[in-house]
Amino acid sequence: QVRLQESGGGSVQAGGSLRLSCSASSRIEYMAWYRQAPGKQRELVARLGIGGALNYADSVRGRFTISREVDKNTVDLQMNSLKPDDSCVYFCNADPGWKDYWGQGTQVTVSQ
């Protein structure tokens, strides 16, 4: 069982920045951030493996940065140049290889 604890999120004006943090209860090969807007499917935002394998959604590339401190089992998402379309619930994800684990979600709201 992997436990994930998220922090960060909140409200910001367009063009502003927010940082999300997630702490896992153990070392995980792949950690990621997903997001889900009401009525829409959950989508990958960014994913980073211990070995450096990195993926970003096209919609956030160049604005968001995912980083990890492997020794601390944490993954952060620095979100810059935020847009109203970025508003939704963000979820931390851990993939040790046999199933997905999810955090409780944290709301991000970007106003005009």
PDB file of N, CA and C in Angstrom:
ATOM      1  N   GLN A   1       0.840  -1.184   0.000  1.00  0.00           N
ATOM      2  CA  GLN A   1       0.000   0.000   0.000  1.00  0.00           C
ATOM      3  C   GLN A   1       0.882   1.243   0.000  1.00  0.00           C
ATOM      4  N   VAL A   2       0.582   2.164  -0.911  1.00  0.00           N
ATOM      5  CA  VAL A   2       1.320   3.418  -1.006  1.00  0.00           C
ATOM      6  C   VAL A   2       0.389   4.554  -0.590  1.00  0.00           C
ATOM      7  N   ARG A   3       0.846   5.368   0.307  1.00  0.00           N
ATOM      8  CA  ARG A   3       0.051   6.521   0.733  1.00  0.00           C
ATOM      9  C   ARG A   3       0.673   7.783   0.176  1.00  0.00           C
ATOM     10  N   LEU A   4      -0.190   8.664  -0.310  1.00  0.00           N
ATOM     11  CA  LEU A   4       0.251   9.928  -0.906  1.00  0.00           C
ATOM     12  C   LEU A   4      -0.403  11.091  -0.172  1.00  0.00           C
ATOM     13  N   GLN A   5       0.396  12.093   0.111  1.00  0.00           N
ATOM     14  CA  GLN A   5      -0.111  13.283   0.786  1.00  0.00           C
ATOM     15  C   GLN A   5       0.235  14.512  -0.028  1.00  0.00           C
ATOM     16  N   GLU A   6      -0.777  15.217  -0.481  1.00  0.00           N
ATOM     17  CA  GLU A   6      -0.575  16.387  -1.319  1.00  0.00           C
ATOM     18  C   GLU A   6      -0.669  17.661  -0.497  1.00  0.00           C
ATOM     19  N   SER A   7      -0.018  18.688  -0.999  1.00  0.00           N
ATOM     20  CA  SER A   7      -0.141  20.021  -0.411  1.00  0.00           C
ATOM     21  C   SER A   7       0.037  21.047  -1.524  1.00  0.00           C
ATOM     22  N   GLY A   8      -0.364  22.263  -1.223  1.00  0.00           N
ATOM     23  CA  GLY A   8      -0.286  23.320  -2.222  1.00  0.00           C
ATOM     24  C   GLY A   8      -1.630  23.542  -2.860  1.00  0.00           C
ATOM     25  N   GLY A   9      -1.637  24.152  -4.017  1.00  0.00           N
ATOM     26  CA  GLY A   9      -2.882  24.503  -4.674  1.00  0.00           C
ATOM     27  C   GLY A   9      -3.426  25.798  -4.120  1.00  0.00           C
ATOM     28  N   GLY A  10      -4.646  26.147  -4.533  1.00  0.00           N
ATOM     29  CA  GLY A  10      -5.272  27.370  -4.072  1.00  0.00           C
ATOM     30  C   GLY A  10      -5.752  28.201  -5.239  1.00  0.00           C
ATOM     31  N   SER A  11      -5.883  29.490  -4.986  1.00  0.00           N
ATOM     32  CA  SER A  11      -6.399  30.416  -5.997  1.00  0.00           C
ATOM     33  C   SER A  11      -5.345  31.430  -6.379  1.00  0.00           C
ATOM     34  N   VAL A  12      -5.311  31.788  -7.654  1.00  0.00           N
ATOM     35  CA  VAL A  12      -4.345  32.743  -8.161  1.00  0.00           C
ATOM     36  C   VAL A  12      -4.923  33.420  -9.392  1.00  0.00           C
ATOM     37  N   GLN A  13      -4.427  34.602  -9.695  1.00  0.00           N
ATOM     38  CA  GLN A  13      -4.862  35.279 -10.914  1.00  0.00           C
ATOM     39  C   GLN A  13      -4.091  34.758 -12.119  1.00  0.00           C
ATOM     40  N   ALA A  14      -4.674  34.901 -13.283  1.00  0.00           N
ATOM     41  CA  ALA A  14      -4.020  34.477 -14.512  1.00  0.00           C
ATOM     42  C   ALA A  14      -2.636  35.109 -14.623  1.00  0.00           C
ATOM     43  N   GLY A  15      -1.674  34.282 -15.035  1.00  0.00           N
ATOM     44  CA  GLY A  15      -0.293  34.729 -15.120  1.00  0.00           C
ATOM     45  C   GLY A  15       0.516  34.443 -13.873  1.00  0.00           C
ATOM     46  N   GLY A  16      -0.164  34.063 -12.817  1.00  0.00           N
ATOM     47  CA  GLY A  16       0.501  33.787 -11.550  1.00  0.00           C
ATOM     48  C   GLY A  16       1.075  32.383 -11.485  1.00  0.00           C
ATOM     49  N   SER A  17       1.610  32.033 -10.318  1.00  0.00           N
ATOM     50  CA  SER A  17       2.274  30.745 -10.115  1.00  0.00           C
ATOM     51  C   SER A  17       1.752  30.062  -8.857  1.00  0.00           C
ATOM     52  N   LEU A  18       1.796  28.747  -8.893  1.00  0.00           N
ATOM     53  CA  LEU A  18       1.489  27.920  -7.726  1.00  0.00           C
ATOM     54  C   LEU A  18       2.429  26.715  -7.740  1.00  0.00           C
ATOM     55  N   ARG A  19       2.623  26.159  -6.574  1.00  0.00           N
ATOM     56  CA  ARG A  19       3.468  24.958  -6.467  1.00  0.00           C
ATOM     57  C   ARG A  19       2.698  23.883  -5.717  1.00  0.00           C
ATOM     58  N   LEU A  20       2.661  22.693  -6.305  1.00  0.00           N
ATOM     59  CA  LEU A  20       2.041  21.533  -5.664  1.00  0.00           C
ATOM     60  C   LEU A  20       3.144  20.599  -5.198  1.00  0.00           C
ATOM     61  N   SER A  21       2.924  19.988  -4.046  1.00  0.00           N
ATOM     62  CA  SER A  21       3.875  19.027  -3.512  1.00  0.00           C
ATOM     63  C   SER A  21       3.145  17.746  -3.118  1.00  0.00           C
ATOM     64  N   CYS A  22       3.833  16.644  -3.258  1.00  0.00           N
ATOM     65  CA  CYS A  22       3.260  15.347  -2.900  1.00  0.00           C
ATOM     66  C   CYS A  22       4.350  14.502  -2.248  1.00  0.00           C
ATOM     67  N   SER A  23       3.993  13.892  -1.131  1.00  0.00           N
ATOM     68  CA  SER A  23       4.919  13.029  -0.419  1.00  0.00           C
ATOM     69  C   SER A  23       4.370  11.609  -0.430  1.00  0.00           C
ATOM     70  N   ALA A  24       5.219  10.649  -0.825  1.00  0.00           N
ATOM     71  CA  ALA A  24       4.822   9.242  -0.857  1.00  0.00           C
ATOM     72  C   ALA A  24       5.386   8.510   0.351  1.00  0.00           C
ATOM     73  N   SER A  25       4.716   7.422   0.735  1.00  0.00           N
ATOM     74  CA  SER A  25       5.139   6.665   1.919  1.00  0.00           C
ATOM     75  C   SER A  25       6.296   5.733   1.624  1.00  0.00           C
ATOM     76  N   SER A  26       6.653   5.596   0.316  1.00  0.00           N
ATOM     77  CA  SER A  26       7.781   4.750  -0.057  1.00  0.00           C
ATOM     78  C   SER A  26       8.338   5.223  -1.388  1.00  0.00           C
ATOM     79  N   ARG A  27       9.469   4.652  -1.742  1.00  0.00           N
ATOM     80  CA  ARG A  27      10.137   5.001  -2.998  1.00  0.00           C
ATOM     81  C   ARG A  27       9.356   4.395  -4.157  1.00  0.00           C
ATOM     82  N   ILE A  28       9.035   5.233  -5.152  1.00  0.00           N
ATOM     83  CA  ILE A  28       8.215   4.800  -6.279  1.00  0.00           C
ATOM     84  C   ILE A  28       8.936   5.089  -7.583  1.00  0.00           C
ATOM     85  N   GLU A  29       8.887   4.148  -8.512  1.00  0.00           N
ATOM     86  CA  GLU A  29       9.568   4.314  -9.788  1.00  0.00           C
ATOM     87  C   GLU A  29       9.071   5.539 -10.550  1.00  0.00           C
ATOM     88  N   TYR A  30       7.780   5.612 -10.744  1.00  0.00           N
ATOM     89  CA  TYR A  30       7.207   6.728 -11.492  1.00  0.00           C
ATOM     90  C   TYR A  30       6.233   7.495 -10.609  1.00  0.00           C
ATOM     91  N   MET A  31       6.370   8.810 -10.622  1.00  0.00           N
ATOM     92  CA  MET A  31       5.405   9.670  -9.954  1.00  0.00           C
ATOM     93  C   MET A  31       4.951  10.730 -10.937  1.00  0.00           C
ATOM     94  N   ALA A  32       3.715  11.149 -10.779  1.00  0.00           N
ATOM     95  CA  ALA A  32       3.135  12.048 -11.779  1.00  0.00           C
ATOM     96  C   ALA A  32       2.084  12.941 -11.148  1.00  0.00           C
ATOM     97  N   TRP A  33       1.697  13.919 -11.906  1.00  0.00           N
ATOM     98  CA  TRP A  33       0.560  14.775 -11.582  1.00  0.00           C
ATOM     99  C   TRP A  33      -0.464  14.653 -12.709  1.00  0.00           C
ATOM    100  N   TYR A  34      -1.702  14.437 -12.323  1.00  0.00           N
ATOM    101  CA  TYR A  34      -2.824  14.432 -13.242  1.00  0.00           C
ATOM    102  C   TYR A  34      -3.774  15.554 -12.818  1.00  0.00           C
ATOM    103  N   ARG A  35      -4.724  15.851 -13.696  1.00  0.00           N
ATOM    104  CA  ARG A  35      -5.756  16.822 -13.336  1.00  0.00           C
ATOM    105  C   ARG A  35      -7.077  16.423 -13.963  1.00  0.00           C
ATOM    106  N   GLN A  36      -8.134  16.880 -13.323  1.00  0.00           N
ATOM    107  CA  GLN A  36      -9.469  16.529 -13.802  1.00  0.00           C
ATOM    108  C   GLN A  36     -10.420  17.697 -13.579  1.00  0.00           C
ATOM    109  N   ALA A  37     -11.032  18.125 -14.659  1.00  0.00           N
ATOM    110  CA  ALA A  37     -12.048  19.168 -14.595  1.00  0.00           C
ATOM    111  C   ALA A  37     -13.419  18.506 -14.497  1.00  0.00           C
ATOM    112  N   PRO A  38     -14.403  19.191 -13.971  1.00  0.00           N
ATOM    113  CA  PRO A  38     -15.740  18.607 -13.848  1.00  0.00           C
ATOM    114  C   PRO A  38     -16.270  18.121 -15.199  1.00  0.00           C
ATOM    115  N   GLY A  39     -16.750  16.894 -15.235  1.00  0.00           N
ATOM    116  CA  GLY A  39     -17.321  16.349 -16.449  1.00  0.00           C
ATOM    117  C   GLY A  39     -16.318  15.881 -17.479  1.00  0.00           C
ATOM    118  N   LYS A  40     -15.034  15.951 -17.123  1.00  0.00           N
ATOM    119  CA  LYS A  40     -14.003  15.533 -18.071  1.00  0.00           C
ATOM    120  C   LYS A  40     -13.180  14.383 -17.496  1.00  0.00           C
ATOM    121  N   GLN A  41     -12.463  13.706 -18.377  1.00  0.00           N
ATOM    122  CA  GLN A  41     -11.597  12.614 -17.935  1.00  0.00           C
ATOM    123  C   GLN A  41     -10.341  13.156 -17.270  1.00  0.00           C
ATOM    124  N   ARG A  42      -9.805  12.373 -16.378  1.00  0.00           N
ATOM    125  CA  ARG A  42      -8.538  12.726 -15.747  1.00  0.00           C
ATOM    126  C   ARG A  42      -7.442  12.640 -16.800  1.00  0.00           C
ATOM    127  N   GLU A  43      -6.572  13.645 -16.817  1.00  0.00           N
ATOM    128  CA  GLU A  43      -5.519  13.696 -17.836  1.00  0.00           C
ATOM    129  C   GLU A  43      -4.151  13.874 -17.199  1.00  0.00           C
ATOM    130  N   LEU A  44      -3.153  13.326 -17.852  1.00  0.00           N
ATOM    131  CA  LEU A  44      -1.781  13.457 -17.384  1.00  0.00           C
ATOM    132  C   LEU A  44      -1.307  14.888 -17.578  1.00  0.00           C
ATOM    133  N   VAL A  45      -0.684  15.429 -16.550  1.00  0.00           N
ATOM    134  CA  VAL A  45      -0.048  16.743 -16.630  1.00  0.00           C
ATOM    135  C   VAL A  45       1.459  16.584 -16.839  1.00  0.00           C
ATOM    136  N   ALA A  46       2.072  15.805 -15.966  1.00  0.00           N
ATOM    137  CA  ALA A  46       3.516  15.571 -16.063  1.00  0.00           C
ATOM    138  C   ALA A  46       3.871  14.317 -15.291  1.00  0.00           C
ATOM    139  N   ARG A  47       4.901  13.612 -15.764  1.00  0.00           N
ATOM    140  CA  ARG A  47       5.312  12.336 -15.168  1.00  0.00           C
ATOM    141  C   ARG A  47       6.831  12.257 -15.189  1.00  0.00           C
ATOM    142  N   LEU A  48       7.393  11.775 -14.088  1.00  0.00           N
ATOM    143  CA  LEU A  48       8.851  11.717 -13.998  1.00  0.00           C
ATOM    144  C   LEU A  48       9.268  10.420 -13.323  1.00  0.00           C
ATOM    145  N   GLY A  49      10.115   9.662 -14.004  1.00  0.00           N
ATOM    146  CA  GLY A  49      10.634   8.437 -13.442  1.00  0.00           C
ATOM    147  C   GLY A  49      11.941   8.661 -12.704  1.00  0.00           C
ATOM    148  N   ILE A  50      12.299   7.729 -11.858  1.00  0.00           N
ATOM    149  CA  ILE A  50      13.556   7.846 -11.099  1.00  0.00           C
ATOM    150  C   ILE A  50      14.736   7.937 -12.047  1.00  0.00           C
ATOM    151  N   GLY A  51      14.653   7.215 -13.162  1.00  0.00           N
ATOM    152  CA  GLY A  51      15.739   7.222 -14.134  1.00  0.00           C
ATOM    153  C   GLY A  51      15.775   8.445 -15.022  1.00  0.00           C
ATOM    154  N   GLY A  52      14.763   9.326 -14.877  1.00  0.00           N
ATOM    155  CA  GLY A  52      14.754  10.563 -15.644  1.00  0.00           C
ATOM    156  C   GLY A  52      13.749  10.604 -16.771  1.00  0.00           C
ATOM    157  N   ALA A  53      13.029   9.495 -17.013  1.00  0.00           N
ATOM    158  CA  ALA A  53      12.006   9.503 -18.059  1.00  0.00           C
ATOM    159  C   ALA A  53      10.964  10.566 -17.730  1.00  0.00           C
ATOM    160  N   LEU A  54      10.692  11.437 -18.701  1.00  0.00           N
ATOM    161  CA  LEU A  54       9.907  12.647 -18.437  1.00  0.00           C
ATOM    162  C   LEU A  54       8.863  12.845 -19.517  1.00  0.00           C
ATOM    163  N   ASN A  55       7.640  13.143 -19.088  1.00  0.00           N
ATOM    164  CA  ASN A  55       6.565  13.447 -20.019  1.00  0.00           C
ATOM    165  C   ASN A  55       5.795  14.665 -19.522  1.00  0.00           C
ATOM    166  N   TYR A  56       5.408  15.519 -20.458  1.00  0.00           N
ATOM    167  CA  TYR A  56       4.541  16.653 -20.159  1.00  0.00           C
ATOM    168  C   TYR A  56       3.375  16.660 -21.143  1.00  0.00           C
ATOM    169  N   ALA A  57       2.220  17.079 -20.687  1.00  0.00           N
ATOM    170  CA  ALA A  57       1.120  17.351 -21.597  1.00  0.00           C
ATOM    171  C   ALA A  57       1.489  18.561 -22.449  1.00  0.00           C
ATOM    172  N   ASP A  58       1.065  18.539 -23.683  1.00  0.00           N
ATOM    173  CA  ASP A  58       1.381  19.657 -24.583  1.00  0.00           C
ATOM    174  C   ASP A  58       0.867  20.978 -24.033  1.00  0.00           C
ATOM    175  N   SER A  59      -0.246  20.921 -23.346  1.00  0.00           N
ATOM    176  CA  SER A  59      -0.888  22.139 -22.870  1.00  0.00           C
ATOM    177  C   SER A  59      -0.113  22.837 -21.750  1.00  0.00           C
ATOM    178  N   VAL A  60       0.824  22.118 -21.113  1.00  0.00           N
ATOM    179  CA  VAL A  60       1.555  22.726 -19.992  1.00  0.00           C
ATOM    180  C   VAL A  60       3.046  22.832 -20.252  1.00  0.00           C
ATOM    181  N   ARG A  61       3.520  22.221 -21.321  1.00  0.00           N
ATOM    182  CA  ARG A  61       4.968  22.227 -21.597  1.00  0.00           C
ATOM    183  C   ARG A  61       5.464  23.655 -21.717  1.00  0.00           C
ATOM    184  N   GLY A  62       6.565  23.925 -21.032  1.00  0.00           N
ATOM    185  CA  GLY A  62       7.133  25.260 -21.035  1.00  0.00           C
ATOM    186  C   GLY A  62       6.614  26.154 -19.922  1.00  0.00           C
ATOM    187  N   ARG A  63       5.520  25.757 -19.288  1.00  0.00           N
ATOM    188  CA  ARG A  63       4.947  26.536 -18.182  1.00  0.00           C
ATOM    189  C   ARG A  63       5.061  25.792 -16.846  1.00  0.00           C
ATOM    190  N   PHE A  64       4.924  24.478 -16.889  1.00  0.00           N
ATOM    191  CA  PHE A  64       4.965  23.666 -15.679  1.00  0.00           C
ATOM    192  C   PHE A  64       6.276  22.888 -15.632  1.00  0.00           C
ATOM    193  N   THR A  65       6.768  22.654 -14.428  1.00  0.00           N
ATOM    194  CA  THR A  65       7.978  21.864 -14.237  1.00  0.00           C
ATOM    195  C   THR A  65       7.754  20.854 -13.125  1.00  0.00           C
ATOM    196  N   ILE A  66       7.994  19.579 -13.435  1.00  0.00           N
ATOM    197  CA  ILE A  66       7.902  18.530 -12.432  1.00  0.00           C
ATOM    198  C   ILE A  66       9.300  18.210 -11.923  1.00  0.00           C
ATOM    199  N   SER A  67       9.406  17.974 -10.634  1.00  0.00           N
ATOM    200  CA  SER A  67      10.704  17.644 -10.057  1.00  0.00           C
ATOM    201  C   SER A  67      10.508  16.650  -8.927  1.00  0.00           C
ATOM    202  N   ARG A  68      11.572  15.934  -8.615  1.00  0.00           N
ATOM    203  CA  ARG A  68      11.492  14.928  -7.553  1.00  0.00           C
ATOM    204  C   ARG A  68      12.713  15.011  -6.649  1.00  0.00           C
ATOM    205  N   GLU A  69      12.499  14.689  -5.400  1.00  0.00           N
ATOM    206  CA  GLU A  69      13.587  14.403  -4.470  1.00  0.00           C
ATOM    207  C   GLU A  69      13.419  12.936  -4.109  1.00  0.00           C
ATOM    208  N   VAL A  70      14.158  12.089  -4.791  1.00  0.00           N
ATOM    209  CA  VAL A  70      13.972  10.649  -4.665  1.00  0.00           C
ATOM    210  C   VAL A  70      14.212  10.184  -3.232  1.00  0.00           C
ATOM    211  N   ASP A  71      15.234  10.733  -2.585  1.00  0.00           N
ATOM    212  CA  ASP A  71      15.561  10.316  -1.221  1.00  0.00           C
ATOM    213  C   ASP A  71      14.453  10.653  -0.221  1.00  0.00           C
ATOM    214  N   LYS A  72      13.652  11.673  -0.557  1.00  0.00           N
ATOM    215  CA  LYS A  72      12.562  12.088   0.326  1.00  0.00           C
ATOM    216  C   LYS A  72      11.207  11.568  -0.160  1.00  0.00           C
ATOM    217  N   ASN A  73      11.191  10.850  -1.266  1.00  0.00           N
ATOM    218  CA  ASN A  73       9.951  10.315  -1.837  1.00  0.00           C
ATOM    219  C   ASN A  73       8.930  11.423  -2.121  1.00  0.00           C
ATOM    220  N   THR A  74       9.401  12.521  -2.665  1.00  0.00           N
ATOM    221  CA  THR A  74       8.498  13.630  -2.955  1.00  0.00           C
ATOM    222  C   THR A  74       8.530  13.988  -4.447  1.00  0.00           C
ATOM    223  N   VAL A  75       7.435  14.561  -4.898  1.00  0.00           N
ATOM    224  CA  VAL A  75       7.356  15.077  -6.257  1.00  0.00           C
ATOM    225  C   VAL A  75       6.628  16.411  -6.203  1.00  0.00           C
ATOM    226  N   ASP A  76       7.182  17.403  -6.874  1.00  0.00           N
ATOM    227  CA  ASP A  76       6.598  18.737  -6.909  1.00  0.00           C
ATOM    228  C   ASP A  76       6.198  19.100  -8.332  1.00  0.00           C
ATOM    229  N   LEU A  77       5.243  20.005  -8.430  1.00  0.00           N
ATOM    230  CA  LEU A  77       4.842  20.551  -9.719  1.00  0.00           C
ATOM    231  C   LEU A  77       4.830  22.073  -9.591  1.00  0.00           C
ATOM    232  N   GLN A  78       5.781  22.724 -10.227  1.00  0.00           N
ATOM    233  CA  GLN A  78       5.823  24.177 -10.259  1.00  0.00           C
ATOM    234  C   GLN A  78       5.030  24.640 -11.468  1.00  0.00           C
ATOM    235  N   MET A  79       4.013  25.441 -11.207  1.00  0.00           N
ATOM    236  CA  MET A  79       3.112  25.883 -12.280  1.00  0.00           C
ATOM    237  C   MET A  79       3.239  27.393 -12.438  1.00  0.00           C
ATOM    238  N   ASN A  80       3.740  27.801 -13.583  1.00  0.00           N
ATOM    239  CA  ASN A  80       3.911  29.226 -13.897  1.00  0.00           C
ATOM    240  C   ASN A  80       2.995  29.623 -15.044  1.00  0.00           C
ATOM    241  N   SER A  81       2.825  30.929 -15.199  1.00  0.00           N
ATOM    242  CA  SER A  81       1.987  31.459 -16.293  1.00  0.00           C
ATOM    243  C   SER A  81       0.633  30.764 -16.340  1.00  0.00           C
ATOM    244  N   LEU A  82       0.017  30.647 -15.198  1.00  0.00           N
ATOM    245  CA  LEU A  82      -1.249  29.921 -15.108  1.00  0.00           C
ATOM    246  C   LEU A  82      -2.359  30.612 -15.891  1.00  0.00           C
ATOM    247  N   LYS A  83      -3.232  29.792 -16.446  1.00  0.00           N
ATOM    248  CA  LYS A  83      -4.360  30.254 -17.248  1.00  0.00           C
ATOM    249  C   LYS A  83      -5.658  29.769 -16.596  1.00  0.00           C
ATOM    250  N   PRO A  84      -6.763  30.441 -16.869  1.00  0.00           N
ATOM    251  CA  PRO A  84      -8.043  29.966 -16.334  1.00  0.00           C
ATOM    252  C   PRO A  84      -8.340  28.511 -16.722  1.00  0.00           C
ATOM    253  N   ASP A  85      -7.894  28.085 -17.904  1.00  0.00           N
ATOM    254  CA  ASP A  85      -8.112  26.695 -18.334  1.00  0.00           C
ATOM    255  C   ASP A  85      -7.357  25.694 -17.471  1.00  0.00           C
ATOM    256  N   ASP A  86      -6.408  26.137 -16.685  1.00  0.00           N
ATOM    257  CA  ASP A  86      -5.682  25.244 -15.774  1.00  0.00           C
ATOM    258  C   ASP A  86      -6.476  24.956 -14.502  1.00  0.00           C
ATOM    259  N   SER A  87      -7.597  25.612 -14.330  1.00  0.00           N
ATOM    260  CA  SER A  87      -8.405  25.446 -13.126  1.00  0.00           C
ATOM    261  C   SER A  87      -9.041  24.067 -13.089  1.00  0.00           C
ATOM    262  N   CYS A  88      -8.765  23.291 -12.071  1.00  0.00           N
ATOM    263  CA  CYS A  88      -9.397  21.991 -11.859  1.00  0.00           C
ATOM    264  C   CYS A  88      -8.763  21.362 -10.620  1.00  0.00           C
ATOM    265  N   VAL A  89      -9.074  20.110 -10.372  1.00  0.00           N
ATOM    266  CA  VAL A  89      -8.472  19.371  -9.269  1.00  0.00           C
ATOM    267  C   VAL A  89      -7.246  18.624  -9.786  1.00  0.00           C
ATOM    268  N   TYR A  90      -6.147  18.763  -9.058  1.00  0.00           N
ATOM    269  CA  TYR A  90      -4.903  18.110  -9.418  1.00  0.00           C
ATOM    270  C   TYR A  90      -4.650  16.936  -8.469  1.00  0.00           C
ATOM    271  N   PHE A  91      -4.222  15.814  -9.053  1.00  0.00           N
ATOM    272  CA  PHE A  91      -4.005  14.592  -8.285  1.00  0.00           C
ATOM    273  C   PHE A  91      -2.559  14.130  -8.419  1.00  0.00           C
ATOM    274  N   CYS A  92      -1.975  13.777  -7.310  1.00  0.00           N
ATOM    275  CA  CYS A  92      -0.672  13.124  -7.317  1.00  0.00           C
ATOM    276  C   CYS A  92      -0.882  11.637  -7.630  1.00  0.00           C
ATOM    277  N   ASN A  93       0.013  11.088  -8.432  1.00  0.00           N
ATOM    278  CA  ASN A  93      -0.079   9.681  -8.835  1.00  0.00           C
ATOM    279  C   ASN A  93       1.248   8.982  -8.595  1.00  0.00           C
ATOM    280  N   ALA A  94       1.156   7.759  -8.095  1.00  0.00           N
ATOM    281  CA  ALA A  94       2.350   6.937  -7.915  1.00  0.00           C
ATOM    282  C   ALA A  94       2.142   5.615  -8.632  1.00  0.00           C
ATOM    283  N   ASP A  95       3.133   5.230  -9.406  1.00  0.00           N
ATOM    284  CA  ASP A  95       3.050   3.993 -10.187  1.00  0.00           C
ATOM    285  C   ASP A  95       4.265   3.130  -9.870  1.00  0.00           C
ATOM    286  N   PRO A  96       4.120   2.194  -8.919  1.00  0.00           N
ATOM    287  CA  PRO A  96       5.243   1.325  -8.595  1.00  0.00           C
ATOM    288  C   PRO A  96       5.396   0.168  -9.573  1.00  0.00           C
ATOM    289  N   GLY A  97       4.442   0.025 -10.482  1.00  0.00           N
ATOM    290  CA  GLY A  97       4.541  -1.016 -11.499  1.00  0.00           C
ATOM    291  C   GLY A  97       3.410  -2.013 -11.486  1.00  0.00           C
ATOM    292  N   TRP A  98       2.671  -2.098 -10.355  1.00  0.00           N
ATOM    293  CA  TRP A  98       1.578  -3.086 -10.308  1.00  0.00           C
ATOM    294  C   TRP A  98       0.207  -2.471 -10.191  1.00  0.00           C
ATOM    295  N   LYS A  99       0.096  -1.204  -9.824  1.00  0.00           N
ATOM    296  CA  LYS A  99      -1.169  -0.500  -9.802  1.00  0.00           C
ATOM    297  C   LYS A  99      -0.908   0.989  -9.623  1.00  0.00           C
ATOM    298  N   ASP A 100      -1.935   1.777  -9.865  1.00  0.00           N
ATOM    299  CA  ASP A 100      -1.839   3.208  -9.648  1.00  0.00           C
ATOM    300  C   ASP A 100      -2.353   3.568  -8.267  1.00  0.00           C
ATOM    301  N   TYR A 101      -1.656   4.491  -7.617  1.00  0.00           N
ATOM    302  CA  TYR A 101      -2.117   5.047  -6.352  1.00  0.00           C
ATOM    303  C   TYR A 101      -2.356   6.532  -6.556  1.00  0.00           C
ATOM    304  N   TRP A 102      -3.360   7.052  -5.847  1.00  0.00           N
ATOM    305  CA  TRP A 102      -3.768   8.438  -6.045  1.00  0.00           C
ATOM    306  C   TRP A 102      -3.834   9.198  -4.729  1.00  0.00           C
ATOM    307  N   GLY A 103      -3.474  10.476  -4.801  1.00  0.00           N
ATOM    308  CA  GLY A 103      -3.708  11.361  -3.678  1.00  0.00           C
ATOM    309  C   GLY A 103      -5.161  11.786  -3.652  1.00  0.00           C
ATOM    310  N   GLN A 104      -5.494  12.601  -2.639  1.00  0.00           N
ATOM    311  CA  GLN A 104      -6.891  12.981  -2.462  1.00  0.00           C
ATOM    312  C   GLN A 104      -7.322  14.102  -3.406  1.00  0.00           C
ATOM    313  N   GLY A 105      -6.362  14.751  -4.029  1.00  0.00           N
ATOM    314  CA  GLY A 105      -6.670  15.841  -4.952  1.00  0.00           C
ATOM    315  C   GLY A 105      -6.597  17.192  -4.271  1.00  0.00           C
ATOM    316  N   THR A 106      -6.145  18.177  -5.018  1.00  0.00           N
ATOM    317  CA  THR A 106      -6.066  19.536  -4.501  1.00  0.00           C
ATOM    318  C   THR A 106      -6.565  20.496  -5.576  1.00  0.00           C
ATOM    319  N   GLN A 107      -7.398  21.447  -5.174  1.00  0.00           N
ATOM    320  CA  GLN A 107      -8.032  22.353  -6.123  1.00  0.00           C
ATOM    321  C   GLN A 107      -7.087  23.483  -6.507  1.00  0.00           C
ATOM    322  N   VAL A 108      -7.055  23.754  -7.802  1.00  0.00           N
ATOM    323  CA  VAL A 108      -6.353  24.920  -8.336  1.00  0.00           C
ATOM    324  C   VAL A 108      -7.375  25.768  -9.082  1.00  0.00           C
ATOM    325  N   THR A 109      -7.457  27.042  -8.729  1.00  0.00           N
ATOM    326  CA  THR A 109      -8.405  27.952  -9.375  1.00  0.00           C
ATOM    327  C   THR A 109      -7.641  29.164  -9.887  1.00  0.00           C
ATOM    328  N   VAL A 110      -7.777  29.426 -11.179  1.00  0.00           N
ATOM    329  CA  VAL A 110      -7.099  30.551 -11.805  1.00  0.00           C
ATOM    330  C   VAL A 110      -8.170  31.501 -12.341  1.00  0.00           C
ATOM    331  N   SER A 111      -8.152  32.715 -11.863  1.00  0.00           N
ATOM    332  CA  SER A 111      -9.151  33.702 -12.275  1.00  0.00           C
ATOM    333  C   SER A 111      -8.554  34.680 -13.269  1.00  0.00           C
ATOM    334  N   GLN A 112      -9.429  35.292 -14.049  1.00  0.00           N
ATOM    335  CA  GLN A 112      -8.991  36.262 -15.056  1.00  0.00           C
ATOM    336  C   GLN A 112      -8.409  37.492 -14.400  1.00  0.00           C
TER     337      GLN A 112
END
